[in-house]
Each structure stands twice: as structure tokens, then as C-alpha cells.
C-alpha atoms as a PDB file:
ATOM      1  CA  MET A   1      -1.676   3.596  30.294  1.00  0.00           C
ATOM      2  CA  ASP A   2       0.303   3.661  27.056  1.00  0.00           C
ATOM      3  CA  SER A   3      -1.469   3.661  23.732  1.00  0.00           C
ATOM      4  CA  ILE A   4      -0.906   0.846  21.272  1.00  0.00           C
ATOM      5  CA  TYR A   5      -0.878   1.487  17.533  1.00  0.00           C
ATOM      6  CA  LEU A   6      -0.583  -0.795  14.532  1.00  0.00           C
ATOM      7  CA  VAL A   7       2.500  -0.208  12.414  1.00  0.00           C
ATOM      8  CA  ASN A   8       2.897  -1.823   8.992  1.00  0.00           C
ATOM      9  CA  LEU A   9       6.103  -3.852   8.944  1.00  0.00           C
ATOM     10  CA  ASN A  10       6.194  -4.520   5.212  1.00  0.00           C
ATOM     11  CA  ASN A  11       6.299  -2.022   2.376  1.00  0.00           C
ATOM     12  CA  ASN A  12       3.020  -3.072   0.823  1.00  0.00           C
ATOM     13  CA  ARG A  13      -0.670  -2.506   1.307  1.00  0.00           C
ATOM     14  CA  GLY A  14      -1.414  -5.974   2.632  1.00  0.00           C
ATOM     15  CA  GLY A  15       1.650  -6.154   4.853  1.00  0.00           C
ATOM     16  CA  GLU A  16       1.882  -7.699   8.261  1.00  0.00           C
ATOM     17  CA  THR A  17       1.145  -5.359  11.118  1.00  0.00           C
ATOM     18  CA  ARG A  18       2.068  -5.645  14.760  1.00  0.00           C
ATOM     19  CA  PRO A  19       1.194  -3.558  17.780  1.00  0.00           C
ATOM     20  CA  VAL A  20       3.908  -1.139  18.840  1.00  0.00           C
ATOM     21  CA  LYS A  21       3.518   0.336  22.296  1.00  0.00           C
ATOM     22  CA  GLY A  22       3.690   4.125  22.469  1.00  0.00           C
ATOM     23  CA  VAL A  23       4.286   4.700  18.757  1.00  0.00           C
ATOM     24  CA  ASN A  24       1.746   7.015  17.147  1.00  0.00           C
ATOM     25  CA  LYS A  25       2.565   7.826  13.571  1.00  0.00           C
ATOM     26  CA  MET A  26      -0.976   8.356  12.365  1.00  0.00           C
ATOM     27  CA  SER A  27      -1.643  11.929  11.348  1.00  0.00           C
ATOM     28  CA  LYS A  28      -4.780  14.002  11.886  1.00  0.00           C
ATOM     29  CA  THR A  29      -3.703  16.129   8.917  1.00  0.00           C
ATOM     30  CA  LEU A  30      -3.469  13.096   6.620  1.00  0.00           C
ATOM     31  CA  ASP A  31      -6.727  11.712   8.051  1.00  0.00           C
ATOM     32  CA  ARG A  32      -8.477  14.928   6.987  1.00  0.00           C
ATOM     33  CA  LEU A  33      -6.782  14.857   3.588  1.00  0.00           C
ATOM     34  CA  VAL A  34      -8.005  11.306   2.910  1.00  0.00           C
ATOM     35  CA  LYS A  35     -11.564  12.329   3.807  1.00  0.00           C
ATOM     36  CA  LYS A  36     -11.615  15.562   1.753  1.00  0.00           C
ATOM     37  CA  ASP A  37      -9.400  14.890  -1.289  1.00  0.00           C
ATOM     38  CA  PRO A  38     -10.882  12.373  -3.746  1.00  0.00           C
ATOM     39  CA  ARG A  39      -7.426  11.842  -5.286  1.00  0.00           C
ATOM     40  CA  ILE A  40      -6.189  10.170  -2.107  1.00  0.00           C
ATOM     41  CA  GLN A  41      -7.460   6.732  -1.144  1.00  0.00           C
ATOM     42  CA  SER A  42      -5.546   5.964   2.066  1.00  0.00           C
ATOM     43  CA  TYR A  43      -2.236   6.229   3.885  1.00  0.00           C
ATOM     44  CA  TYR A  44      -0.188   4.301   6.393  1.00  0.00           C
ATOM     45  CA  PHE A  45       3.083   4.552   8.262  1.00  0.00           C
ATOM     46  CA  ASP A  46       5.803   1.909   8.504  1.00  0.00           C
ATOM     47  CA  VAL A  47       9.501   1.785   9.352  1.00  0.00           C
ATOM     48  CA  ASP A  48      10.295   3.562   6.059  1.00  0.00           C
ATOM     49  CA  GLY A  49       7.932   6.513   6.500  1.00  0.00           C
ATOM     50  CA  TYR A  50       4.515   7.593   5.244  1.00  0.00           C
ATOM     51  CA  TRP A  51       2.891   5.904   2.244  1.00  0.00           C
ATOM     52  CA  VAL A  52      -0.075   7.625   0.557  1.00  0.00           C
ATOM     53  CA  ASN A  53      -2.103   5.464  -1.825  1.00  0.00           C
ATOM     54  CA  LEU A  54      -3.753   7.409  -4.618  1.00  0.00           C
ATOM     55  CA  SER A  55      -7.220   6.714  -5.976  1.00  0.00           C
ATOM     56  CA  ASP A  56      -7.629   5.047  -9.353  1.00  0.00           C
ATOM     57  CA  GLY A  57      -7.114   7.515 -12.155  1.00  0.00           C
ATOM     58  CA  TYR A  58      -4.402   9.557 -10.411  1.00  0.00           C
ATOM     59  CA  ASN A  59      -0.624   9.352 -10.254  1.00  0.00           C
ATOM     60  CA  TRP A  60       2.351  11.074  -8.679  1.00  0.00           C
ATOM     61  CA  CYS A  61       5.493  11.102 -10.820  1.00  0.00           C
ATOM     62  CA  GLY A  62       4.121   8.075 -12.682  1.00  0.00           C
ATOM     63  CA  CYS A  63       3.350   6.097  -9.504  1.00  0.00           C
ATOM     64  CA  GLY A  64       0.175   5.308  -7.632  1.00  0.00           C
ATOM     65  CA  THR A  65       1.808   5.977  -4.254  1.00  0.00           C
ATOM     66  CA  ILE A  66       3.537   8.911  -2.589  1.00  0.00           C
ATOM     67  CA  HIS A  67       6.278   7.919  -0.131  1.00  0.00           C
ATOM     68  CA  GLU A  68       7.959  10.435   2.152  1.00  0.00           C
ATOM     69  CA  ASP A  69       9.568  10.468   5.590  1.00  0.00           C
ATOM     70  CA  THR A  70       7.372  13.169   7.140  1.00  0.00           C
ATOM     71  CA  VAL A  71       3.821  14.483   6.878  1.00  0.00           C
ATOM     72  CA  LYS A  72       5.229  17.859   5.804  1.00  0.00           C
ATOM     73  CA  GLU A  73       7.056  16.233   2.886  1.00  0.00           C
ATOM     74  CA  VAL A  74       3.890  14.353   1.878  1.00  0.00           C
ATOM     75  CA  LEU A  75       1.906  17.599   1.856  1.00  0.00           C
ATOM     76  CA  GLU A  76       4.544  19.238  -0.347  1.00  0.00           C
ATOM     77  CA  GLN A  77       4.162  16.430  -2.913  1.00  0.00           C
ATOM     78  CA  VAL A  78       0.349  16.390  -3.005  1.00  0.00           C
ATOM     79  CA  LYS A  79       0.394  19.366  -5.383  1.00  0.00           C
ATOM     80  CA  TYR A  80       2.119  17.157  -7.978  1.00  0.00           C
ATOM     81  CA  ILE A  81      -0.673  14.584  -8.143  1.00  0.00           C
ATOM     82  CA  ALA A  82      -1.793  14.368 -11.764  1.00  0.00           C
ATOM     83  CA  GLU A  83      -4.875  12.933 -13.369  1.00  0.00           C
ATOM     84  CA  GLY A  84      -4.332   9.801 -15.421  1.00  0.00           C
ATOM     85  CA  GLU A  85      -3.065   6.315 -14.780  1.00  0.00           C
ATOM     86  CA  GLU A  86       0.501   5.510 -13.811  1.00  0.00           C
END
């Protein structure tokens, strides 16, 4: 039996989702990061890649969201999260 995962179809936090059979773009590494790093609020995957939403009071290059194509690229950018609003 194939797994079914929800994939965000819009590039926003409240975007429409639809089930996509056999597509698993959730990451155990990012799941752990969300749980352990207070700077990171959540993440999701859509057709444009991984989106990491930062907690209030943090920014990345002046933005409240990190967007990269791969988990590896996201992890490389986490070190540039700075304290302070966007």
C-alpha cells in the first residue's frame, strides 16, 4: 500500500493542500530541528521546495522564512538565523 502525504500547493502558510500518493518530502532531520531549536517554528514542503518558518523575534537575511530546495541547503542556512525582527 502506498503512503499518502499532504503537499502544500501554494507558497503560503495557509495554502491549500492535497494528498499526493507516494510523495514523502517531510524530513526527520527538520522534524527534530523544529522540536529542539526554539528559533524555528515549523516547516513544510511544496512544489518550490522546503519552507522553514522562524519563531517571532528571529530572522534570516531580513525574512521570517528560510526557503531552499533541499534539506541540506536549509541546514546550511540555519547558522545565519539572527535574533531580532525582520
